[in-house]
N, C-alpha and C. Protein backbone atom coordinates (compact mmCIF):
# COMPACT_ATOMS: atom_id res chain seq x y z
N MET A 1 -17.28 -0.66 4.70
CA MET A 1 -16.05 -1.04 4.02
C MET A 1 -14.96 0.00 4.31
N PHE A 2 -13.71 -0.45 4.16
CA PHE A 2 -12.58 0.39 4.54
C PHE A 2 -11.51 0.39 3.44
N LYS A 3 -10.98 1.59 3.16
CA LYS A 3 -9.92 1.76 2.17
C LYS A 3 -8.57 1.56 2.85
N VAL A 4 -7.67 0.88 2.16
CA VAL A 4 -6.28 0.80 2.60
C VAL A 4 -5.48 1.70 1.67
N LEU A 5 -4.76 2.65 2.26
CA LEU A 5 -3.95 3.60 1.48
C LEU A 5 -2.48 3.41 1.79
N LEU A 6 -1.65 3.60 0.78
CA LEU A 6 -0.20 3.67 0.98
C LEU A 6 0.21 5.12 0.79
N HIS A 7 1.19 5.55 1.60
CA HIS A 7 1.63 6.94 1.61
C HIS A 7 3.06 7.05 1.09
N ASN A 8 3.33 8.13 0.39
CA ASN A 8 4.65 8.38 -0.16
C ASN A 8 5.64 8.78 0.94
N ASP A 9 6.89 8.41 0.75
CA ASP A 9 7.97 8.90 1.61
C ASP A 9 9.22 9.01 0.74
N ASP A 10 10.28 9.56 1.31
CA ASP A 10 11.50 9.80 0.53
C ASP A 10 12.46 8.62 0.51
N TYR A 11 12.10 7.50 1.15
CA TYR A 11 13.06 6.40 1.30
C TYR A 11 12.63 5.09 0.66
N THR A 12 11.34 4.79 0.68
CA THR A 12 10.87 3.52 0.15
C THR A 12 11.01 3.51 -1.37
N SER A 13 11.63 2.45 -1.90
CA SER A 13 11.86 2.38 -3.35
C SER A 13 10.55 2.09 -4.09
N MET A 14 10.50 2.55 -5.32
CA MET A 14 9.34 2.30 -6.16
C MET A 14 9.17 0.80 -6.40
N ASP A 15 10.27 0.09 -6.57
CA ASP A 15 10.22 -1.36 -6.78
C ASP A 15 9.61 -2.07 -5.58
N PHE A 16 9.93 -1.61 -4.37
CA PHE A 16 9.37 -2.23 -3.17
C PHE A 16 7.87 -1.98 -3.09
N VAL A 17 7.44 -0.78 -3.44
CA VAL A 17 6.00 -0.47 -3.43
C VAL A 17 5.27 -1.38 -4.42
N ILE A 18 5.85 -1.58 -5.59
CA ILE A 18 5.25 -2.48 -6.58
C ILE A 18 5.18 -3.90 -6.02
N GLU A 19 6.23 -4.33 -5.35
CA GLU A 19 6.25 -5.67 -4.73
C GLU A 19 5.13 -5.80 -3.69
N ILE A 20 4.95 -4.79 -2.86
CA ILE A 20 3.87 -4.79 -1.86
C ILE A 20 2.52 -4.90 -2.55
N LEU A 21 2.32 -4.12 -3.59
CA LEU A 21 1.04 -4.10 -4.29
C LEU A 21 0.73 -5.43 -4.98
N THR A 22 1.75 -6.09 -5.51
CA THR A 22 1.51 -7.38 -6.17
C THR A 22 1.38 -8.51 -5.16
N ASP A 23 2.20 -8.50 -4.11
CA ASP A 23 2.20 -9.60 -3.13
C ASP A 23 1.03 -9.52 -2.15
N ILE A 24 0.79 -8.36 -1.58
CA ILE A 24 -0.21 -8.23 -0.52
C ILE A 24 -1.59 -7.88 -1.08
N PHE A 25 -1.62 -7.02 -2.09
CA PHE A 25 -2.90 -6.56 -2.63
C PHE A 25 -3.30 -7.28 -3.92
N HIS A 26 -2.44 -8.21 -4.38
CA HIS A 26 -2.73 -9.06 -5.55
C HIS A 26 -3.06 -8.26 -6.81
N LYS A 27 -2.33 -7.16 -7.00
CA LYS A 27 -2.49 -6.35 -8.21
C LYS A 27 -1.59 -6.92 -9.31
N THR A 28 -1.98 -6.70 -10.56
CA THR A 28 -1.09 -7.05 -11.66
C THR A 28 0.08 -6.07 -11.64
N HIS A 29 1.13 -6.40 -12.37
CA HIS A 29 2.28 -5.49 -12.41
C HIS A 29 1.87 -4.13 -12.98
N ALA A 30 1.04 -4.13 -14.01
CA ALA A 30 0.58 -2.87 -14.61
C ALA A 30 -0.25 -2.05 -13.63
N GLN A 31 -1.16 -2.71 -12.90
CA GLN A 31 -1.96 -2.02 -11.89
C GLN A 31 -1.06 -1.45 -10.80
N ALA A 32 -0.09 -2.26 -10.38
CA ALA A 32 0.83 -1.84 -9.31
C ALA A 32 1.64 -0.62 -9.73
N GLU A 33 2.10 -0.60 -10.97
CA GLU A 33 2.85 0.56 -11.47
C GLU A 33 1.99 1.81 -11.45
N GLN A 34 0.73 1.68 -11.86
CA GLN A 34 -0.17 2.82 -11.90
C GLN A 34 -0.43 3.36 -10.49
N ILE A 35 -0.68 2.48 -9.54
CA ILE A 35 -0.92 2.90 -8.15
C ILE A 35 0.35 3.51 -7.56
N MET A 36 1.50 2.91 -7.83
CA MET A 36 2.77 3.42 -7.33
C MET A 36 3.01 4.85 -7.83
N LEU A 37 2.69 5.12 -9.09
CA LEU A 37 2.86 6.47 -9.63
C LEU A 37 1.90 7.45 -8.97
N GLN A 38 0.68 7.01 -8.66
CA GLN A 38 -0.26 7.87 -7.93
C GLN A 38 0.29 8.22 -6.55
N ILE A 39 0.85 7.22 -5.87
CA ILE A 39 1.44 7.45 -4.54
C ILE A 39 2.56 8.48 -4.66
N HIS A 40 3.41 8.29 -5.66
CA HIS A 40 4.57 9.16 -5.85
C HIS A 40 4.14 10.59 -6.19
N GLN A 41 3.12 10.73 -7.04
CA GLN A 41 2.71 12.06 -7.51
C GLN A 41 1.75 12.77 -6.56
N LYS A 42 0.84 12.02 -5.94
CA LYS A 42 -0.21 12.64 -5.12
C LYS A 42 0.01 12.49 -3.62
N GLY A 43 1.03 11.70 -3.24
CA GLY A 43 1.32 11.54 -1.82
C GLY A 43 0.69 10.32 -1.18
N LYS A 44 -0.36 9.79 -1.80
CA LYS A 44 -1.00 8.57 -1.30
C LYS A 44 -1.94 8.04 -2.37
N ALA A 45 -2.32 6.77 -2.22
CA ALA A 45 -3.27 6.17 -3.16
C ALA A 45 -3.97 5.01 -2.48
N ILE A 46 -5.17 4.74 -2.95
CA ILE A 46 -5.96 3.61 -2.44
C ILE A 46 -5.47 2.33 -3.10
N CYS A 47 -5.20 1.32 -2.27
CA CYS A 47 -4.75 0.02 -2.76
C CYS A 47 -5.91 -0.96 -2.89
N GLY A 48 -6.97 -0.71 -2.13
CA GLY A 48 -8.13 -1.59 -2.18
C GLY A 48 -9.13 -1.21 -1.12
N VAL A 49 -10.34 -1.76 -1.24
CA VAL A 49 -11.41 -1.53 -0.27
C VAL A 49 -11.85 -2.89 0.25
N TYR A 50 -11.86 -3.02 1.58
CA TYR A 50 -12.09 -4.32 2.21
C TYR A 50 -12.95 -4.17 3.45
N SER A 51 -13.36 -5.31 4.00
CA SER A 51 -13.98 -5.29 5.33
C SER A 51 -12.92 -4.82 6.32
N LEU A 52 -13.34 -4.37 7.49
CA LEU A 52 -12.39 -3.84 8.47
C LEU A 52 -11.31 -4.85 8.82
N GLU A 53 -11.70 -6.09 9.07
CA GLU A 53 -10.73 -7.11 9.47
C GLU A 53 -9.68 -7.35 8.39
N ILE A 54 -10.10 -7.45 7.16
CA ILE A 54 -9.15 -7.67 6.06
C ILE A 54 -8.27 -6.44 5.86
N ALA A 55 -8.86 -5.24 5.93
CA ALA A 55 -8.08 -4.01 5.79
C ALA A 55 -7.00 -3.92 6.87
N GLN A 56 -7.36 -4.26 8.11
CA GLN A 56 -6.39 -4.23 9.20
C GLN A 56 -5.28 -5.25 8.97
N THR A 57 -5.63 -6.42 8.49
CA THR A 57 -4.63 -7.46 8.21
C THR A 57 -3.67 -7.00 7.12
N LYS A 58 -4.20 -6.44 6.05
CA LYS A 58 -3.34 -5.99 4.94
C LYS A 58 -2.42 -4.85 5.39
N ALA A 59 -2.94 -3.90 6.17
CA ALA A 59 -2.11 -2.81 6.68
C ALA A 59 -1.00 -3.36 7.57
N GLN A 60 -1.32 -4.35 8.39
CA GLN A 60 -0.31 -4.97 9.26
C GLN A 60 0.74 -5.71 8.44
N GLN A 61 0.32 -6.39 7.37
CA GLN A 61 1.27 -7.09 6.50
C GLN A 61 2.23 -6.10 5.84
N VAL A 62 1.71 -4.95 5.42
CA VAL A 62 2.57 -3.91 4.83
C VAL A 62 3.59 -3.45 5.87
N LYS A 63 3.12 -3.18 7.08
CA LYS A 63 4.01 -2.71 8.15
C LYS A 63 5.12 -3.72 8.43
N GLN A 64 4.76 -5.00 8.52
CA GLN A 64 5.75 -6.04 8.80
C GLN A 64 6.77 -6.17 7.68
N LYS A 65 6.29 -6.22 6.44
CA LYS A 65 7.21 -6.38 5.30
C LYS A 65 8.11 -5.16 5.14
N ALA A 66 7.55 -3.97 5.36
CA ALA A 66 8.36 -2.75 5.27
C ALA A 66 9.44 -2.75 6.35
N LYS A 67 9.08 -3.15 7.56
CA LYS A 67 10.04 -3.19 8.66
C LYS A 67 11.15 -4.20 8.37
N GLN A 68 10.78 -5.37 7.85
CA GLN A 68 11.77 -6.40 7.51
C GLN A 68 12.76 -5.90 6.47
N ASN A 69 12.29 -5.03 5.59
CA ASN A 69 13.13 -4.50 4.51
C ASN A 69 13.68 -3.12 4.81
N GLU A 70 13.47 -2.65 6.04
CA GLU A 70 13.98 -1.37 6.54
C GLU A 70 13.50 -0.18 5.72
N PHE A 71 12.20 -0.21 5.38
CA PHE A 71 11.56 0.92 4.72
C PHE A 71 10.50 1.51 5.64
N PRO A 72 10.28 2.83 5.59
CA PRO A 72 9.27 3.47 6.45
C PRO A 72 7.88 3.54 5.81
N LEU A 73 7.60 2.68 4.84
CA LEU A 73 6.32 2.72 4.13
C LEU A 73 5.14 2.68 5.10
N LEU A 74 4.21 3.60 4.91
CA LEU A 74 3.05 3.71 5.80
C LEU A 74 1.77 3.31 5.07
N ALA A 75 1.01 2.41 5.71
CA ALA A 75 -0.32 2.04 5.22
C ALA A 75 -1.32 2.50 6.26
N THR A 76 -2.38 3.16 5.81
CA THR A 76 -3.44 3.59 6.72
C THR A 76 -4.78 3.06 6.23
N ILE A 77 -5.75 3.10 7.14
CA ILE A 77 -7.10 2.64 6.84
C ILE A 77 -8.06 3.80 7.05
N GLU A 78 -8.96 3.99 6.09
CA GLU A 78 -10.00 5.02 6.20
C GLU A 78 -11.33 4.39 5.85
N GLU A 79 -12.38 4.82 6.54
CA GLU A 79 -13.71 4.33 6.22
C GLU A 79 -14.11 4.83 4.84
N ASP A 80 -14.64 3.93 4.02
CA ASP A 80 -15.07 4.28 2.67
C ASP A 80 -16.44 4.94 2.76
N SER A 81 -16.55 6.15 2.21
CA SER A 81 -17.82 6.88 2.33
C SER A 81 -18.79 6.55 1.22
């Protein structure tokens, strides 16, 4: 299994991160707010754990949506230990 992480930056709005978490990762608004605060405070946070194919798809969806909205939001994939 693979973790999908979102990373903090100085440009992506908190509202956009919440939108990504609710739309792509299907989090509730409360869950999305909690994860967004972790990203903001700790520099990154896990959005979910998936099979490799699904993790890659979700990371690509984040990249596409961020690019469309002109944000540098970064999603990475790490193997879950």
